[in-house]
């Protein structure tokens, strides 16, 4: 993770955003303390997927999952039936 002071980041914003888009995590600091992160959208999507999976596994272990949706119904909802 690369750290850069917020006061310096403004003049380098384009480059920092490109680096984040390429998978690098950029930490913006204020008085030496990390206050924000620049990350790619894929990183956020992966985190959201991991959280959703962990939530599913927790609910399954607790026995609190609701009824599922039949496969055929999901295909119909997505317009995948012919």
N, C-alpha and C. Protein backbone atom coordinates (compact mmCIF):
# COMPACT_ATOMS: atom_id res chain seq x y z
N UNK A 1 0.85 -1.16 0.00
CA UNK A 1 0.00 0.00 0.00
C UNK A 1 0.91 1.24 0.00
N UNK A 2 0.63 2.12 -0.93
CA UNK A 2 1.38 3.36 -1.04
C UNK A 2 0.67 4.45 -0.25
N UNK A 3 1.41 5.18 0.56
CA UNK A 3 0.84 6.29 1.31
C UNK A 3 1.30 7.61 0.71
N UNK A 4 0.37 8.55 0.67
CA UNK A 4 0.68 9.89 0.18
C UNK A 4 -0.16 10.90 0.95
N UNK A 5 0.46 12.02 1.28
CA UNK A 5 -0.24 13.06 2.02
C UNK A 5 -1.32 13.68 1.13
N UNK A 6 -2.46 13.98 1.74
CA UNK A 6 -3.55 14.61 0.98
C UNK A 6 -3.07 15.89 0.32
N UNK A 7 -2.21 16.62 1.00
CA UNK A 7 -1.72 17.89 0.44
C UNK A 7 -0.92 17.69 -0.85
N UNK A 8 -0.36 16.52 -1.03
CA UNK A 8 0.41 16.22 -2.24
C UNK A 8 -0.44 15.49 -3.29
N UNK A 9 -1.51 14.89 -2.87
CA UNK A 9 -2.30 14.04 -3.76
C UNK A 9 -3.00 14.83 -4.86
N UNK A 10 -3.42 16.04 -4.58
CA UNK A 10 -4.17 16.82 -5.56
C UNK A 10 -3.45 16.96 -6.89
N UNK A 11 -2.18 17.28 -6.82
CA UNK A 11 -1.42 17.48 -8.06
C UNK A 11 -1.12 16.18 -8.78
N UNK A 12 -1.33 15.04 -8.09
CA UNK A 12 -1.04 13.72 -8.67
C UNK A 12 -2.30 12.88 -8.83
N UNK A 13 -3.45 13.50 -8.72
CA UNK A 13 -4.70 12.74 -8.66
C UNK A 13 -4.89 11.81 -9.86
N UNK A 14 -4.65 12.30 -11.06
CA UNK A 14 -4.85 11.45 -12.24
C UNK A 14 -3.99 10.20 -12.15
N UNK A 15 -2.73 10.36 -11.84
CA UNK A 15 -1.82 9.21 -11.74
C UNK A 15 -2.25 8.27 -10.61
N UNK A 16 -2.65 8.81 -9.48
CA UNK A 16 -3.07 7.98 -8.35
C UNK A 16 -4.32 7.16 -8.69
N UNK A 17 -5.25 7.79 -9.36
CA UNK A 17 -6.47 7.09 -9.75
C UNK A 17 -6.13 5.97 -10.74
N UNK A 18 -5.26 6.22 -11.69
CA UNK A 18 -4.86 5.19 -12.65
C UNK A 18 -4.21 4.02 -11.93
N UNK A 19 -3.34 4.32 -10.96
CA UNK A 19 -2.67 3.25 -10.21
C UNK A 19 -3.69 2.43 -9.42
N UNK A 20 -4.65 3.11 -8.81
CA UNK A 20 -5.69 2.40 -8.07
C UNK A 20 -6.51 1.53 -9.02
N UNK A 21 -6.83 2.05 -10.19
CA UNK A 21 -7.58 1.28 -11.18
C UNK A 21 -6.81 0.03 -11.62
N UNK A 22 -5.50 0.10 -11.56
CA UNK A 22 -4.67 -1.05 -11.94
C UNK A 22 -4.44 -2.01 -10.78
N UNK A 23 -5.09 -1.77 -9.63
CA UNK A 23 -5.03 -2.71 -8.53
C UNK A 23 -4.20 -2.29 -7.33
N UNK A 24 -3.53 -1.16 -7.42
CA UNK A 24 -2.73 -0.70 -6.29
C UNK A 24 -3.63 0.04 -5.29
N UNK A 25 -3.40 -0.17 -4.02
CA UNK A 25 -4.14 0.56 -2.99
C UNK A 25 -3.33 1.79 -2.61
N UNK A 26 -3.97 2.95 -2.69
CA UNK A 26 -3.33 4.21 -2.36
C UNK A 26 -3.97 4.73 -1.07
N UNK A 27 -3.16 4.96 -0.04
CA UNK A 27 -3.65 5.49 1.22
C UNK A 27 -3.37 6.99 1.27
N UNK A 28 -4.41 7.77 1.48
CA UNK A 28 -4.26 9.21 1.64
C UNK A 28 -4.12 9.51 3.12
N UNK A 29 -3.11 10.28 3.47
CA UNK A 29 -2.84 10.55 4.89
C UNK A 29 -3.01 12.03 5.21
N UNK A 30 -3.35 12.27 6.45
CA UNK A 30 -3.45 13.62 6.98
C UNK A 30 -2.70 13.61 8.31
N UNK A 31 -1.65 14.39 8.38
CA UNK A 31 -0.79 14.40 9.57
C UNK A 31 -0.27 13.00 9.90
N UNK A 32 0.06 12.22 8.85
CA UNK A 32 0.63 10.90 9.03
C UNK A 32 -0.38 9.80 9.32
N UNK A 33 -1.64 10.14 9.39
CA UNK A 33 -2.70 9.16 9.69
C UNK A 33 -3.50 8.86 8.43
N UNK A 34 -3.70 7.60 8.12
CA UNK A 34 -4.49 7.22 6.94
C UNK A 34 -5.93 7.67 7.16
N UNK A 35 -6.43 8.47 6.22
CA UNK A 35 -7.80 8.98 6.34
C UNK A 35 -8.71 8.51 5.22
N UNK A 36 -8.15 8.01 4.13
CA UNK A 36 -8.95 7.52 3.01
C UNK A 36 -8.11 6.59 2.16
N UNK A 37 -8.80 5.75 1.40
CA UNK A 37 -8.12 4.83 0.49
C UNK A 37 -8.67 4.99 -0.91
N UNK A 38 -7.79 4.90 -1.89
CA UNK A 38 -8.20 4.80 -3.29
C UNK A 38 -8.00 3.35 -3.68
N UNK A 39 -9.08 2.69 -4.09
CA UNK A 39 -9.01 1.29 -4.52
C UNK A 39 -9.85 1.13 -5.78
N UNK A 40 -9.58 0.08 -6.51
CA UNK A 40 -10.34 -0.18 -7.73
C UNK A 40 -11.75 -0.66 -7.38
N UNK A 41 -12.69 -0.46 -8.29
CA UNK A 41 -14.04 -0.96 -8.06
C UNK A 41 -14.07 -2.48 -7.86
N UNK A 42 -13.13 -3.19 -8.48
CA UNK A 42 -13.09 -4.65 -8.33
C UNK A 42 -12.80 -5.05 -6.89
N UNK A 43 -11.98 -4.27 -6.20
CA UNK A 43 -11.68 -4.56 -4.80
C UNK A 43 -12.96 -4.46 -3.97
N UNK A 44 -13.73 -3.41 -4.20
CA UNK A 44 -14.98 -3.23 -3.47
C UNK A 44 -15.96 -4.36 -3.81
N UNK A 45 -16.07 -4.71 -5.07
CA UNK A 45 -16.97 -5.79 -5.48
C UNK A 45 -16.57 -7.11 -4.81
N UNK A 46 -15.27 -7.39 -4.77
CA UNK A 46 -14.80 -8.62 -4.12
C UNK A 46 -15.13 -8.61 -2.63
N UNK A 47 -14.95 -7.46 -1.97
CA UNK A 47 -15.28 -7.36 -0.55
C UNK A 47 -16.78 -7.57 -0.32
N UNK A 48 -17.60 -6.96 -1.17
CA UNK A 48 -19.05 -7.12 -1.03
C UNK A 48 -19.45 -8.58 -1.23
N UNK A 49 -18.83 -9.25 -2.22
CA UNK A 49 -19.12 -10.67 -2.45
C UNK A 49 -18.72 -11.51 -1.23
N UNK A 50 -17.55 -11.22 -0.66
CA UNK A 50 -17.08 -11.96 0.51
C UNK A 50 -18.01 -11.75 1.70
N UNK A 51 -18.47 -10.52 1.88
CA UNK A 51 -19.40 -10.24 2.98
C UNK A 51 -20.73 -10.96 2.78
N UNK A 52 -21.22 -10.96 1.54
CA UNK A 52 -22.48 -11.64 1.26
C UNK A 52 -22.35 -13.14 1.50
N UNK A 53 -21.24 -13.72 1.09
CA UNK A 53 -21.01 -15.15 1.30
C UNK A 53 -20.92 -15.47 2.79
N UNK A 54 -20.18 -14.65 3.54
CA UNK A 54 -20.06 -14.86 4.98
C UNK A 54 -21.42 -14.74 5.66
N UNK A 55 -22.24 -13.79 5.22
CA UNK A 55 -23.58 -13.63 5.78
C UNK A 55 -24.44 -14.86 5.47
N UNK A 56 -24.36 -15.33 4.25
CA UNK A 56 -25.10 -16.54 3.86
C UNK A 56 -24.68 -17.72 4.73
N UNK A 57 -23.38 -17.92 4.88
CA UNK A 57 -22.88 -19.05 5.66
C UNK A 57 -23.31 -18.93 7.12
N UNK A 58 -23.30 -17.71 7.66
CA UNK A 58 -23.74 -17.50 9.04
C UNK A 58 -25.22 -17.85 9.19
N UNK A 59 -26.05 -17.32 8.27
CA UNK A 59 -27.48 -17.60 8.34
C UNK A 59 -27.77 -19.09 8.15
N UNK A 60 -27.00 -19.75 7.28
CA UNK A 60 -27.19 -21.19 7.08
C UNK A 60 -26.84 -21.94 8.36
N UNK A 61 -25.74 -21.57 9.01
CA UNK A 61 -25.34 -22.24 10.24
C UNK A 61 -26.35 -21.99 11.36
N UNK A 62 -26.96 -20.82 11.37
CA UNK A 62 -27.95 -20.49 12.40
C UNK A 62 -29.32 -21.08 12.08
N UNK A 63 -29.49 -21.56 10.85
CA UNK A 63 -30.78 -22.10 10.45
C UNK A 63 -31.81 -21.01 10.18
N UNK A 64 -31.35 -19.83 9.81
CA UNK A 64 -32.27 -18.71 9.60
C UNK A 64 -32.42 -18.33 8.12
N UNK A 65 -31.98 -19.20 7.23
CA UNK A 65 -32.16 -18.92 5.80
C UNK A 65 -33.64 -19.05 5.45
N UNK A 66 -34.11 -18.14 4.64
CA UNK A 66 -35.48 -18.25 4.16
C UNK A 66 -35.57 -19.30 3.07
N UNK A 67 -36.77 -19.53 2.56
CA UNK A 67 -36.90 -20.51 1.48
C UNK A 67 -36.18 -20.02 0.23
N UNK A 68 -35.58 -20.91 -0.49
CA UNK A 68 -34.88 -20.55 -1.71
C UNK A 68 -35.84 -20.33 -2.87
N UNK A 69 -35.29 -19.94 -3.99
CA UNK A 69 -36.07 -19.76 -5.21
C UNK A 69 -35.69 -20.90 -6.15
N UNK A 70 -36.64 -21.63 -6.66
CA UNK A 70 -36.32 -22.74 -7.56
C UNK A 70 -35.52 -22.26 -8.78
N UNK A 71 -34.62 -23.11 -9.23
CA UNK A 71 -33.74 -22.80 -10.36
C UNK A 71 -34.53 -22.35 -11.59
N UNK A 72 -35.58 -23.03 -11.89
CA UNK A 72 -36.40 -22.69 -13.07
C UNK A 72 -36.99 -21.29 -12.93
N UNK A 73 -37.38 -20.91 -11.73
CA UNK A 73 -37.94 -19.57 -11.50
C UNK A 73 -36.88 -18.49 -11.69
N UNK A 74 -35.68 -18.75 -11.21
CA UNK A 74 -34.58 -17.80 -11.39
C UNK A 74 -34.29 -17.63 -12.88
N UNK A 75 -34.25 -18.71 -13.62
CA UNK A 75 -34.01 -18.63 -15.06
C UNK A 75 -35.10 -17.81 -15.73
N UNK A 76 -36.35 -18.00 -15.31
CA UNK A 76 -37.45 -17.24 -15.88
C UNK A 76 -37.31 -15.76 -15.55
N UNK A 77 -36.96 -15.45 -14.30
CA UNK A 77 -36.81 -14.06 -13.87
C UNK A 77 -35.70 -13.35 -14.65
N UNK A 78 -34.65 -14.09 -15.00
CA UNK A 78 -33.52 -13.53 -15.74
C UNK A 78 -33.73 -13.56 -17.24
N UNK A 79 -34.86 -14.08 -17.66
CA UNK A 79 -35.15 -14.15 -19.09
C UNK A 79 -34.32 -15.19 -19.82
N UNK A 80 -33.95 -16.24 -19.13
CA UNK A 80 -33.10 -17.27 -19.72
C UNK A 80 -33.87 -18.48 -20.23
N UNK A 81 -35.19 -18.44 -20.12
CA UNK A 81 -35.97 -19.57 -20.62
C UNK A 81 -36.37 -19.31 -22.07
N UNK A 82 -36.56 -20.38 -22.79
CA UNK A 82 -36.92 -20.24 -24.21
C UNK A 82 -38.30 -20.78 -24.45
